[in-house]
C-alpha cells in the first residue's frame, strides 16, 4: 500500500528544494539530501527524528530559506533514504558526517539543529572531525541522551518496571500503523503532541509518521531503547541551546534539564507550556527564532574566543519561556 508521505498543501507542506543530492555514508549507505534557500546565506543543517523525514521541517524551511541555506536530509531508512541492515548511534554519526562533507565547503561553519533522534545524532557525532570542523553552534529539540524508555511518560503509570516494560512494548511494536484515521490521529496526538495542537499540525505529523516503514520503525526503536549518549553530551563543545515542550511524553523535560546541566556550553534551556514532543511543528516560530539567534551570534556575528564566552553567559541567563 502506498501512503501519502506528507500533506500536500498548507504551512506544513514541504517546499520544493533548490537542489537535491545524495550523500554516501562510511558504509556506502545513500542518504537523500535537500538544499533550500540562498546559496550564499549562512548554513543551517536540520536532522529529523525517529519515524520522520525532511518533510517534518517544512515550517522551518519556509521561514528560514529567504536568508539562509537550509540543508536537511532523510535519516537512513526514513523518507527517501534506503534502509540498510546496519543501524546504531555510530551509524547516525557517520551519516551526519557524510552530509556535512557533501554540502559544506572546507572550513564552512553552520548551525546544527536536531529533533528527537536528530538531536541524538548531534550528540553521537559531537567528537567527529567533520562535526568539529563545521558546526559552530547547536540546537537540541525534544530529545534525550539516555534512559528514554524508563523516563517516558507515554504510559500513564507510576515509574517502575511495569511502566518501563509496557512502554518498551508499545514503542517497539512490530504492528503496522495502518492508514491515517481519526483514531490514529487521536493516538498520535496523545503520544507525541500537546493538547492544544491544531488539526493541521496533527494531520501533518500523522502523514509523516505513518509513512515510515514498519521494519524501520521497529529497528530504530531498539536502538533508542538501548541509548546511552551521555558522553556525547559532555563532548558537545559548541554553544548549544535546548528546547522542550512541558507536555512532551516521549522525551519529557527531565531529559532536557539533565542535558542542559551536562553540556559544556549550554546557552539556554527553554521549556514550552502545553507543547508536546513535536516542537518544530507545534512551536515553529519559537524554533525558528532560536535558530536565527544562534546564526546571528555564532555565524554571521563572527563571535569567537573570549567574546563567544561572554555571549554564551548572557544567553544562558535568559529566563525559560
C-alpha atoms as a PDB file:
ATOM      1  CA  UNK A   1       0.000   0.000   0.000  1.00  0.00           C
ATOM      2  CA  UNK A   2       1.352   3.433  -0.993  1.00  0.00           C
ATOM      3  CA  UNK A   3       0.834   6.092   1.629  1.00  0.00           C
ATOM      4  CA  UNK A   4       0.883   9.851   1.307  1.00  0.00           C
ATOM      5  CA  UNK A   5       4.208  10.751   2.918  1.00  0.00           C
ATOM      6  CA  UNK A   6       3.229  14.309   3.823  1.00  0.00           C
ATOM      7  CA  UNK A   7       0.445  16.835   3.448  1.00  0.00           C
ATOM      8  CA  UNK A   8       0.235  18.448   0.023  1.00  0.00           C
ATOM      9  CA  UNK A   9      -0.915  21.955   0.942  1.00  0.00           C
ATOM     10  CA  UNK A  10      -0.800  24.467   3.788  1.00  0.00           C
ATOM     11  CA  UNK A  11       2.051  25.616   6.049  1.00  0.00           C
ATOM     12  CA  UNK A  12       3.275  22.072   6.696  1.00  0.00           C
ATOM     13  CA  UNK A  13       3.574  21.032   3.051  1.00  0.00           C
ATOM     14  CA  UNK A  14       7.300  20.708   2.274  1.00  0.00           C
ATOM     15  CA  UNK A  15       8.679  23.318  -0.155  1.00  0.00           C
ATOM     16  CA  UNK A  16      10.485  22.263  -3.334  1.00  0.00           C
ATOM     17  CA  UNK A  17      14.258  22.241  -2.717  1.00  0.00           C
ATOM     18  CA  UNK A  18      16.673  24.322  -4.763  1.00  0.00           C
ATOM     19  CA  UNK A  19      18.915  21.275  -5.052  1.00  0.00           C
ATOM     20  CA  UNK A  20      18.787  17.572  -4.238  1.00  0.00           C
ATOM     21  CA  UNK A  21      21.802  15.338  -3.874  1.00  0.00           C
ATOM     22  CA  UNK A  22      22.927  12.010  -2.445  1.00  0.00           C
ATOM     23  CA  UNK A  23      25.465  11.795   0.360  1.00  0.00           C
ATOM     24  CA  UNK A  24      27.276   8.480   0.714  1.00  0.00           C
ATOM     25  CA  UNK A  25      27.986   7.340   4.270  1.00  0.00           C
ATOM     26  CA  UNK A  26      31.014   5.411   5.527  1.00  0.00           C
ATOM     27  CA  UNK A  27      29.404   2.025   4.855  1.00  0.00           C
ATOM     28  CA  UNK A  28      28.098   3.009   1.432  1.00  0.00           C
ATOM     29  CA  UNK A  29      24.568   3.909   2.576  1.00  0.00           C
ATOM     30  CA  UNK A  30      22.972   6.542   0.351  1.00  0.00           C
ATOM     31  CA  UNK A  31      21.237   9.479   2.002  1.00  0.00           C
ATOM     32  CA  UNK A  32      18.717  11.793   0.374  1.00  0.00           C
ATOM     33  CA  UNK A  33      19.754  15.420   0.966  1.00  0.00           C
ATOM     34  CA  UNK A  34      17.892  18.636   0.171  1.00  0.00           C
ATOM     35  CA  UNK A  35      19.209  22.198  -0.018  1.00  0.00           C
ATOM     36  CA  UNK A  36      16.808  25.123   0.267  1.00  0.00           C
ATOM     37  CA  UNK A  37      17.245  28.874   0.196  1.00  0.00           C
ATOM     38  CA  UNK A  38      20.003  31.213  -0.874  1.00  0.00           C
ATOM     39  CA  UNK A  39      23.328  29.817  -1.974  1.00  0.00           C
ATOM     40  CA  UNK A  40      25.354  32.492  -0.193  1.00  0.00           C
ATOM     41  CA  UNK A  41      23.367  32.565   3.070  1.00  0.00           C
ATOM     42  CA  UNK A  42      24.598  31.165   6.392  1.00  0.00           C
ATOM     43  CA  UNK A  43      24.129  27.412   6.610  1.00  0.00           C
ATOM     44  CA  UNK A  44      21.640  25.666   8.874  1.00  0.00           C
ATOM     45  CA  UNK A  45      21.605  21.842   8.962  1.00  0.00           C
ATOM     46  CA  UNK A  46      18.437  20.067  10.156  1.00  0.00           C
ATOM     47  CA  UNK A  47      18.344  16.434  11.370  1.00  0.00           C
ATOM     48  CA  UNK A  48      14.894  14.916  11.898  1.00  0.00           C
ATOM     49  CA  UNK A  49      13.798  12.314  14.401  1.00  0.00           C
ATOM     50  CA  UNK A  50      12.595   8.725  14.552  1.00  0.00           C
ATOM     51  CA  UNK A  51       9.848   7.862  12.002  1.00  0.00           C
ATOM     52  CA  UNK A  52      10.035  11.324  10.403  1.00  0.00           C
ATOM     53  CA  UNK A  53      11.568  12.770   7.203  1.00  0.00           C
ATOM     54  CA  UNK A  54      12.703  16.027   5.618  1.00  0.00           C
ATOM     55  CA  UNK A  55       9.018  16.973   5.373  1.00  0.00           C
ATOM     56  CA  UNK A  56       8.964  17.403   9.148  1.00  0.00           C
ATOM     57  CA  UNK A  57      10.953  20.651   8.753  1.00  0.00           C
ATOM     58  CA  UNK A  58       8.539  22.330   6.312  1.00  0.00           C
ATOM     59  CA  UNK A  59       7.746  25.269   8.607  1.00  0.00           C
ATOM     60  CA  UNK A  60      11.426  25.939   9.370  1.00  0.00           C
ATOM     61  CA  UNK A  61      12.399  25.708   5.697  1.00  0.00           C
ATOM     62  CA  UNK A  62       9.686  28.188   4.684  1.00  0.00           C
ATOM     63  CA  UNK A  63      10.699  30.643   7.395  1.00  0.00           C
ATOM     64  CA  UNK A  64      14.481  30.443   7.045  1.00  0.00           C
ATOM     65  CA  UNK A  65      15.059  29.901   3.319  1.00  0.00           C
ATOM     66  CA  UNK A  66      14.778  33.606   2.460  1.00  0.00           C
ATOM     67  CA  UNK A  67      18.085  34.422   4.150  1.00  0.00           C
ATOM     68  CA  UNK A  68      19.743  31.094   4.881  1.00  0.00           C
ATOM     69  CA  UNK A  69      20.953  27.983   3.115  1.00  0.00           C
ATOM     70  CA  UNK A  70      18.880  25.271   4.775  1.00  0.00           C
ATOM     71  CA  UNK A  71      20.209  21.730   4.484  1.00  0.00           C
ATOM     72  CA  UNK A  72      18.144  18.755   5.551  1.00  0.00           C
ATOM     73  CA  UNK A  73      18.359  15.022   4.943  1.00  0.00           C
ATOM     74  CA  UNK A  74      16.457  11.804   5.456  1.00  0.00           C
ATOM     75  CA  UNK A  75      17.960   9.542   8.107  1.00  0.00           C
ATOM     76  CA  UNK A  76      18.700   6.103   6.666  1.00  0.00           C
ATOM     77  CA  UNK A  77      15.531   4.073   6.205  1.00  0.00           C
ATOM     78  CA  UNK A  78      13.394   7.191   6.526  1.00  0.00           C
ATOM     79  CA  UNK A  79      11.811   9.249   3.768  1.00  0.00           C
ATOM     80  CA  UNK A  80      13.771   8.788   0.552  1.00  0.00           C
ATOM     81  CA  UNK A  81      16.910   7.296   2.104  1.00  0.00           C
ATOM     82  CA  UNK A  82      17.012   3.500   1.635  1.00  0.00           C
ATOM     83  CA  UNK A  83      17.189   1.309   4.715  1.00  0.00           C
ATOM     84  CA  UNK A  84      20.250  -0.795   5.489  1.00  0.00           C
ATOM     85  CA  UNK A  85      20.923  -3.809   7.734  1.00  0.00           C
ATOM     86  CA  UNK A  86      23.154  -1.629   9.935  1.00  0.00           C
ATOM     87  CA  UNK A  87      21.833   0.848  12.472  1.00  0.00           C
ATOM     88  CA  UNK A  88      23.034   2.419  15.689  1.00  0.00           C
ATOM     89  CA  UNK A  89      24.389   5.663  17.081  1.00  0.00           C
ATOM     90  CA  UNK A  90      27.726   5.253  15.278  1.00  0.00           C
ATOM     91  CA  UNK A  91      25.785   4.991  12.034  1.00  0.00           C
ATOM     92  CA  UNK A  92      23.865   8.181  12.846  1.00  0.00           C
ATOM     93  CA  UNK A  93      27.185   9.963  13.349  1.00  0.00           C
ATOM     94  CA  UNK A  94      28.619   8.506  10.125  1.00  0.00           C
ATOM     95  CA  UNK A  95      25.607   9.706   8.172  1.00  0.00           C
ATOM     96  CA  UNK A  96      25.730  13.240   9.570  1.00  0.00           C
ATOM     97  CA  UNK A  97      29.441  13.449   8.771  1.00  0.00           C
ATOM     98  CA  UNK A  98      28.670  12.418   5.187  1.00  0.00           C
ATOM     99  CA  UNK A  99      26.002  15.109   4.858  1.00  0.00           C
ATOM    100  CA  UNK A 100      28.273  17.819   6.261  1.00  0.00           C
ATOM    101  CA  UNK A 101      31.096  16.855   3.895  1.00  0.00           C
ATOM    102  CA  UNK A 102      28.747  16.734   0.892  1.00  0.00           C
ATOM    103  CA  UNK A 103      27.092  20.099   1.465  1.00  0.00           C
ATOM    104  CA  UNK A 104      29.594  22.418   3.195  1.00  0.00           C
ATOM    105  CA  UNK A 105      32.815  23.868   1.836  1.00  0.00           C
ATOM    106  CA  UNK A 106      36.059  23.179   3.741  1.00  0.00           C
ATOM    107  CA  UNK A 107      36.054  25.274   6.905  1.00  0.00           C
ATOM    108  CA  UNK A 108      32.481  26.499   6.388  1.00  0.00           C
ATOM    109  CA  UNK A 109      30.573  26.827   9.661  1.00  0.00           C
ATOM    110  CA  UNK A 110      26.915  26.027  10.254  1.00  0.00           C
ATOM    111  CA  UNK A 111      24.282  25.885  12.964  1.00  0.00           C
ATOM    112  CA  UNK A 112      23.227  22.276  13.616  1.00  0.00           C
ATOM    113  CA  UNK A 113      19.644  21.530  14.666  1.00  0.00           C
ATOM    114  CA  UNK A 114      18.453  18.109  15.807  1.00  0.00           C
ATOM    115  CA  UNK A 115      14.974  16.995  16.852  1.00  0.00           C
ATOM    116  CA  UNK A 116      14.487  13.805  18.896  1.00  0.00           C
ATOM    117  CA  UNK A 117      16.639  11.135  17.192  1.00  0.00           C
ATOM    118  CA  UNK A 118      18.163  14.001  15.207  1.00  0.00           C
ATOM    119  CA  UNK A 119      19.326  15.508  18.482  1.00  0.00           C
ATOM    120  CA  UNK A 120      20.786  12.140  19.408  1.00  0.00           C
ATOM    121  CA  UNK A 121      22.586  12.219  16.060  1.00  0.00           C
ATOM    122  CA  UNK A 122      24.179  15.520  17.080  1.00  0.00           C
ATOM    123  CA  UNK A 123      25.346  14.027  20.378  1.00  0.00           C
ATOM    124  CA  UNK A 124      26.672  10.891  18.659  1.00  0.00           C
ATOM    125  CA  UNK A 125      28.690  12.987  16.192  1.00  0.00           C
ATOM    126  CA  UNK A 126      29.994  15.536  18.692  1.00  0.00           C
ATOM    127  CA  UNK A 127      33.568  14.180  18.594  1.00  0.00           C
ATOM    128  CA  UNK A 128      33.732  13.550  14.852  1.00  0.00           C
ATOM    129  CA  UNK A 129      36.224  15.592  12.799  1.00  0.00           C
ATOM    130  CA  UNK A 130      33.654  16.836  10.276  1.00  0.00           C
ATOM    131  CA  UNK A 131      31.328  17.925  13.066  1.00  0.00           C
ATOM    132  CA  UNK A 132      34.055  19.870  14.838  1.00  0.00           C
ATOM    133  CA  UNK A 133      35.174  21.440  11.582  1.00  0.00           C
ATOM    134  CA  UNK A 134      31.749  22.650  10.501  1.00  0.00           C
ATOM    135  CA  UNK A 135      29.388  23.024  13.466  1.00  0.00           C
ATOM    136  CA  UNK A 136      29.694  26.338  15.306  1.00  0.00           C
ATOM    137  CA  UNK A 137      26.520  26.089  17.423  1.00  0.00           C
ATOM    138  CA  UNK A 138      23.705  23.600  18.017  1.00  0.00           C
ATOM    139  CA  UNK A 139      20.041  23.466  18.932  1.00  0.00           C
ATOM    140  CA  UNK A 140      18.641  20.337  20.615  1.00  0.00           C
ATOM    141  CA  UNK A 141      14.865  19.977  20.329  1.00  0.00           C
ATOM    142  CA  UNK A 142      12.779  17.494  22.329  1.00  0.00           C
ATOM    143  CA  UNK A 143      15.494  14.905  22.779  1.00  0.00           C
ATOM    144  CA  UNK A 144      17.413  12.925  25.382  1.00  0.00           C
ATOM    145  CA  UNK A 145      20.687  11.116  25.847  1.00  0.00           C
ATOM    146  CA  UNK A 146      19.803   8.013  27.922  1.00  0.00           C
ATOM    147  CA  UNK A 147      17.052   6.262  29.945  1.00  0.00           C
ATOM    148  CA  UNK A 148      14.486   7.092  27.260  1.00  0.00           C
ATOM    149  CA  UNK A 149      12.125   4.209  27.925  1.00  0.00           C
ATOM    150  CA  UNK A 150      12.324   4.359  31.719  1.00  0.00           C
ATOM    151  CA  UNK A 151      11.612   8.097  31.784  1.00  0.00           C
ATOM    152  CA  UNK A 152       8.979   8.177  29.035  1.00  0.00           C
ATOM    153  CA  UNK A 153       5.504   9.285  30.131  1.00  0.00           C
ATOM    154  CA  UNK A 154       3.584   7.679  27.252  1.00  0.00           C
ATOM    155  CA  UNK A 155       2.145   5.094  29.651  1.00  0.00           C
ATOM    156  CA  UNK A 156       0.299   6.922  32.480  1.00  0.00           C
ATOM    157  CA  UNK A 157       1.596   4.643  35.252  1.00  0.00           C
ATOM    158  CA  UNK A 158       3.850   5.332  38.194  1.00  0.00           C
ATOM    159  CA  UNK A 159       7.535   4.981  37.280  1.00  0.00           C
ATOM    160  CA  UNK A 160       8.820   1.436  37.693  1.00  0.00           C
ATOM    161  CA  UNK A 161       9.327  -1.897  35.988  1.00  0.00           C
ATOM    162  CA  UNK A 162       5.725  -2.272  34.838  1.00  0.00           C
ATOM    163  CA  UNK A 163       5.691   1.116  33.106  1.00  0.00           C
ATOM    164  CA  UNK A 164       9.093   0.544  31.518  1.00  0.00           C
ATOM    165  CA  UNK A 165       8.065  -2.905  30.240  1.00  0.00           C
ATOM    166  CA  UNK A 166       4.807  -1.655  28.714  1.00  0.00           C
ATOM    167  CA  UNK A 167       6.458   1.433  27.193  1.00  0.00           C
ATOM    168  CA  UNK A 168       9.089  -0.781  25.560  1.00  0.00           C
ATOM    169  CA  UNK A 169       6.354  -2.993  24.093  1.00  0.00           C
ATOM    170  CA  UNK A 170       4.436  -0.014  22.704  1.00  0.00           C
ATOM    171  CA  UNK A 171       7.349   1.923  21.218  1.00  0.00           C
ATOM    172  CA  UNK A 172       8.994  -1.230  19.857  1.00  0.00           C
ATOM    173  CA  UNK A 173       5.829  -2.754  18.444  1.00  0.00           C
ATOM    174  CA  UNK A 174       6.037  -4.620  15.126  1.00  0.00           C
ATOM    175  CA  UNK A 175       2.389  -3.885  14.369  1.00  0.00           C
ATOM    176  CA  UNK A 176       1.640  -1.754  11.288  1.00  0.00           C
ATOM    177  CA  UNK A 177       0.330   1.742  11.940  1.00  0.00           C
ATOM    178  CA  UNK A 178      -2.203   1.423   9.149  1.00  0.00           C
ATOM    179  CA  UNK A 179      -3.992   4.284   7.402  1.00  0.00           C
ATOM    180  CA  UNK A 180      -4.370   7.725   8.938  1.00  0.00           C
ATOM    181  CA  UNK A 181      -7.825   7.618  10.515  1.00  0.00           C
ATOM    182  CA  UNK A 182      -9.471   9.766  13.214  1.00  0.00           C
ATOM    183  CA  UNK A 183      -8.489   7.127  15.787  1.00  0.00           C
ATOM    184  CA  UNK A 184      -4.907   7.058  14.510  1.00  0.00           C
ATOM    185  CA  UNK A 185      -4.714  10.847  14.722  1.00  0.00           C
ATOM    186  CA  UNK A 186      -6.014  10.813  18.291  1.00  0.00           C
ATOM    187  CA  UNK A 187      -3.461   8.179  19.344  1.00  0.00           C
ATOM    188  CA  UNK A 188      -0.585  10.026  17.713  1.00  0.00           C
ATOM    189  CA  UNK A 189      -1.676  13.325  19.260  1.00  0.00           C
ATOM    190  CA  UNK A 190      -1.831  11.769  22.730  1.00  0.00           C
ATOM    191  CA  UNK A 191       1.597  10.174  22.460  1.00  0.00           C
ATOM    192  CA  UNK A 192       3.559  12.873  20.666  1.00  0.00           C
ATOM    193  CA  UNK A 193       1.815  16.253  20.777  1.00  0.00           C
ATOM    194  CA  UNK A 194       0.417  18.789  23.204  1.00  0.00           C
ATOM    195  CA  UNK A 195      -3.315  19.022  23.932  1.00  0.00           C
ATOM    196  CA  UNK A 196      -3.632  22.323  22.069  1.00  0.00           C
ATOM    197  CA  UNK A 197      -2.142  21.074  18.809  1.00  0.00           C
ATOM    198  CA  UNK A 198      -4.290  22.071  15.862  1.00  0.00           C
ATOM    199  CA  UNK A 199      -5.811  19.517  13.465  1.00  0.00           C
ATOM    200  CA  UNK A 200      -3.423  20.789  10.762  1.00  0.00           C
ATOM    201  CA  UNK A 201      -0.431  20.016  12.971  1.00  0.00           C
ATOM    202  CA  UNK A 202      -1.732  16.565  13.870  1.00  0.00           C
ATOM    203  CA  UNK A 203      -2.506  15.706  10.255  1.00  0.00           C
ATOM    204  CA  UNK A 204       0.953  16.809   9.112  1.00  0.00           C
ATOM    205  CA  UNK A 205       2.699  14.681  11.743  1.00  0.00           C
ATOM    206  CA  UNK A 206       0.432  11.678  11.207  1.00  0.00           C
ATOM    207  CA  UNK A 207       1.123  11.592   7.470  1.00  0.00           C
ATOM    208  CA  UNK A 208       4.876  11.645   8.034  1.00  0.00           C
ATOM    209  CA  UNK A 209       4.966   9.097  10.869  1.00  0.00           C
ATOM    210  CA  UNK A 210       2.575   6.634   9.222  1.00  0.00           C
ATOM    211  CA  UNK A 211       4.699   6.684   6.053  1.00  0.00           C
ATOM    212  CA  UNK A 212       7.702   5.287   7.930  1.00  0.00           C
ATOM    213  CA  UNK A 213       8.142   1.572   7.085  1.00  0.00           C
ATOM    214  CA  UNK A 214       7.234  -0.749   9.934  1.00  0.00           C
ATOM    215  CA  UNK A 215      10.618  -2.532   9.869  1.00  0.00           C
ATOM    216  CA  UNK A 216      12.486   0.777  10.064  1.00  0.00           C
ATOM    217  CA  UNK A 217      10.323   1.960  12.939  1.00  0.00           C
ATOM    218  CA  UNK A 218      10.916  -1.266  14.878  1.00  0.00           C
ATOM    219  CA  UNK A 219      14.670  -1.442  14.187  1.00  0.00           C
ATOM    220  CA  UNK A 220      15.390   2.108  15.297  1.00  0.00           C
ATOM    221  CA  UNK A 221      13.111   1.744  18.330  1.00  0.00           C
ATOM    222  CA  UNK A 222      15.523  -0.929  19.565  1.00  0.00           C
ATOM    223  CA  UNK A 223      18.452   1.497  19.157  1.00  0.00           C
ATOM    224  CA  UNK A 224      16.618   4.163  21.160  1.00  0.00           C
ATOM    225  CA  UNK A 225      15.764   1.644  23.863  1.00  0.00           C
ATOM    226  CA  UNK A 226      19.480   0.980  24.467  1.00  0.00           C
ATOM    227  CA  UNK A 227      20.598   4.579  24.005  1.00  0.00           C
ATOM    228  CA  UNK A 228      23.464   5.927  26.099  1.00  0.00           C
ATOM    229  CA  UNK A 229      24.898   9.176  24.733  1.00  0.00           C
ATOM    230  CA  UNK A 230      25.717  10.932  27.996  1.00  0.00           C
ATOM    231  CA  UNK A 231      29.360  11.047  26.926  1.00  0.00           C
ATOM    232  CA  UNK A 232      28.326  12.679  23.645  1.00  0.00           C
ATOM    233  CA  UNK A 233      26.555  15.449  25.559  1.00  0.00           C
ATOM    234  CA  UNK A 234      29.694  16.195  27.546  1.00  0.00           C
ATOM    235  CA  UNK A 235      31.728  16.311  24.318  1.00  0.00           C
ATOM    236  CA  UNK A 236      29.328  18.677  22.557  1.00  0.00           C
ATOM    237  CA  UNK A 237      31.736  21.577  22.908  1.00  0.00           C
ATOM    238  CA  UNK A 238      29.893  24.249  20.942  1.00  0.00           C
ATOM    239  CA  UNK A 239      27.310  26.747  22.231  1.00  0.00           C
ATOM    240  CA  UNK A 240      24.131  24.683  22.495  1.00  0.00           C
ATOM    241  CA  UNK A 241      20.549  25.725  23.206  1.00  0.00           C
ATOM    242  CA  UNK A 242      17.904  23.257  24.397  1.00  0.00           C
ATOM    243  CA  UNK A 243      14.143  23.426  23.817  1.00  0.00           C
ATOM    244  CA  UNK A 244      11.491  21.056  25.184  1.00  0.00           C
ATOM    245  CA  UNK A 245       7.723  21.003  25.496  1.00  0.00           C
ATOM    246  CA  UNK A 246       6.419  20.606  29.010  1.00  0.00           C
ATOM    247  CA  UNK A 247       3.760  18.223  27.663  1.00  0.00           C
ATOM    248  CA  UNK A 248       6.374  16.022  25.962  1.00  0.00           C
ATOM    249  CA  UNK A 249       5.680  12.398  26.871  1.00  0.00           C
ATOM    250  CA  UNK A 250       8.408  10.784  24.761  1.00  0.00           C
ATOM    251  CA  UNK A 251      11.380  12.851  25.965  1.00  0.00           C
ATOM    252  CA  UNK A 252       9.977  14.749  28.959  1.00  0.00           C
ATOM    253  CA  UNK A 253      11.609  17.875  30.432  1.00  0.00           C
ATOM    254  CA  UNK A 254      13.682  15.840  32.899  1.00  0.00           C
ATOM    255  CA  UNK A 255      15.738  14.721  29.881  1.00  0.00           C
ATOM    256  CA  UNK A 256      16.394  18.259  28.653  1.00  0.00           C
ATOM    257  CA  UNK A 257      17.260  19.506  32.137  1.00  0.00           C
ATOM    258  CA  UNK A 258      19.853  16.762  32.512  1.00  0.00           C
ATOM    259  CA  UNK A 259      21.388  17.607  29.138  1.00  0.00           C
ATOM    260  CA  UNK A 260      21.445  21.338  29.895  1.00  0.00           C
ATOM    261  CA  UNK A 261      23.277  20.633  33.161  1.00  0.00           C
ATOM    262  CA  UNK A 262      25.847  18.403  31.426  1.00  0.00           C
ATOM    263  CA  UNK A 263      26.525  20.492  28.312  1.00  0.00           C
ATOM    264  CA  UNK A 264      29.894  22.276  28.421  1.00  0.00           C
ATOM    265  CA  UNK A 265      28.443  25.409  26.793  1.00  0.00           C
ATOM    266  CA  UNK A 266      24.678  25.500  27.307  1.00  0.00           C
ATOM    267  CA  UNK A 267      23.253  28.841  26.153  1.00  0.00           C
ATOM    268  CA  UNK A 268      19.744  28.374  27.455  1.00  0.00           C
ATOM    269  CA  UNK A 269      17.019  25.869  28.272  1.00  0.00           C
ATOM    270  CA  UNK A 270      13.540  26.817  27.053  1.00  0.00           C
ATOM    271  CA  UNK A 271      10.516  24.900  28.352  1.00  0.00           C
ATOM    272  CA  UNK A 272       7.272  25.461  26.441  1.00  0.00           C
ATOM    273  CA  UNK A 273       3.981  25.057  28.348  1.00  0.00           C
ATOM    274  CA  UNK A 274       1.375  22.947  26.557  1.00  0.00           C
ATOM    275  CA  UNK A 275       3.745  21.805  23.818  1.00  0.00           C
ATOM    276  CA  UNK A 276       4.458  18.131  23.218  1.00  0.00           C
ATOM    277  CA  UNK A 277       7.260  16.235  21.513  1.00  0.00           C
ATOM    278  CA  UNK A 278       6.843  17.680  18.010  1.00  0.00           C
ATOM    279  CA  UNK A 279       8.285  21.126  18.774  1.00  0.00           C
ATOM    280  CA  UNK A 280       9.225  22.120  15.174  1.00  0.00           C
ATOM    281  CA  UNK A 281       5.595  21.588  14.149  1.00  0.00           C
ATOM    282  CA  UNK A 282       3.886  22.723  17.362  1.00  0.00           C
ATOM    283  CA  UNK A 283       6.044  25.798  18.027  1.00  0.00           C
ATOM    284  CA  UNK A 284       7.544  26.727  14.631  1.00  0.00           C
ATOM    285  CA  UNK A 285       8.003  30.430  15.381  1.00  0.00           C
ATOM    286  CA  UNK A 286       9.919  29.770  18.602  1.00  0.00           C
ATOM    287  CA  UNK A 287      12.139  27.161  16.956  1.00  0.00           C
ATOM    288  CA  UNK A 288      12.942  29.478  14.044  1.00  0.00           C
ATOM    289  CA  UNK A 289      13.675  32.298  16.469  1.00  0.00           C
ATOM    290  CA  UNK A 290      16.186  30.145  18.360  1.00  0.00           C
ATOM    291  CA  UNK A 291      17.864  29.144  15.100  1.00  0.00           C
ATOM    292  CA  UNK A 292      18.141  32.768  13.979  1.00  0.00           C
ATOM    293  CA  UNK A 293      19.634  33.769  17.329  1.00  0.00           C
ATOM    294  CA  UNK A 294      22.331  31.117  17.019  1.00  0.00           C
ATOM    295  CA  UNK A 295      23.107  32.076  13.422  1.00  0.00           C
ATOM    296  CA  UNK A 296      23.340  35.774  14.272  1.00  0.00           C
ATOM    297  CA  UNK A 297      25.507  35.229  17.339  1.00  0.00           C
ATOM    298  CA  UNK A 298      27.855  32.491  16.174  1.00  0.00           C
ATOM    299  CA  UNK A 299      27.893  32.525  12.351  1.00  0.00           C
ATOM    300  CA  UNK A 300      27.188  35.948  10.865  1.00  0.00           C
ATOM    301  CA  UNK A 301      28.241  37.741  14.063  1.00  0.00           C
ATOM    302  CA  UNK A 302      31.642  36.057  13.968  1.00  0.00           C
ATOM    303  CA  UNK A 303      31.737  35.592  17.751  1.00  0.00           C
ATOM    304  CA  UNK A 304      34.771  33.608  18.931  1.00  0.00           C
ATOM    305  CA  UNK A 305      37.174  33.224  21.818  1.00  0.00           C
ATOM    306  CA  UNK A 306      36.521  35.418  24.872  1.00  0.00           C
ATOM    307  CA  UNK A 307      33.729  37.244  23.037  1.00  0.00           C
ATOM    308  CA  UNK A 308      31.904  33.972  22.477  1.00  0.00           C
ATOM    309  CA  UNK A 309      32.197  33.028  26.126  1.00  0.00           C
ATOM    310  CA  UNK A 310      30.683  36.343  27.127  1.00  0.00           C
ATOM    311  CA  UNK A 311      27.820  35.988  24.659  1.00  0.00           C
ATOM    312  CA  UNK A 312      27.088  32.465  25.892  1.00  0.00           C
ATOM    313  CA  UNK A 313      26.962  33.636  29.513  1.00  0.00           C
ATOM    314  CA  UNK A 314      24.407  36.314  28.646  1.00  0.00           C
ATOM    315  CA  UNK A 315      22.276  33.892  26.639  1.00  0.00           C
ATOM    316  CA  UNK A 316      22.375  31.304  29.384  1.00  0.00           C
ATOM    317  CA  UNK A 317      20.802  33.743  31.808  1.00  0.00           C
ATOM    318  CA  UNK A 318      17.675  34.058  29.676  1.00  0.00           C
ATOM    319  CA  UNK A 319      14.527  33.049  31.554  1.00  0.00           C
ATOM    320  CA  UNK A 320      12.682  29.973  30.340  1.00  0.00           C
ATOM    321  CA  UNK A 321       9.725  30.671  28.140  1.00  0.00           C
END
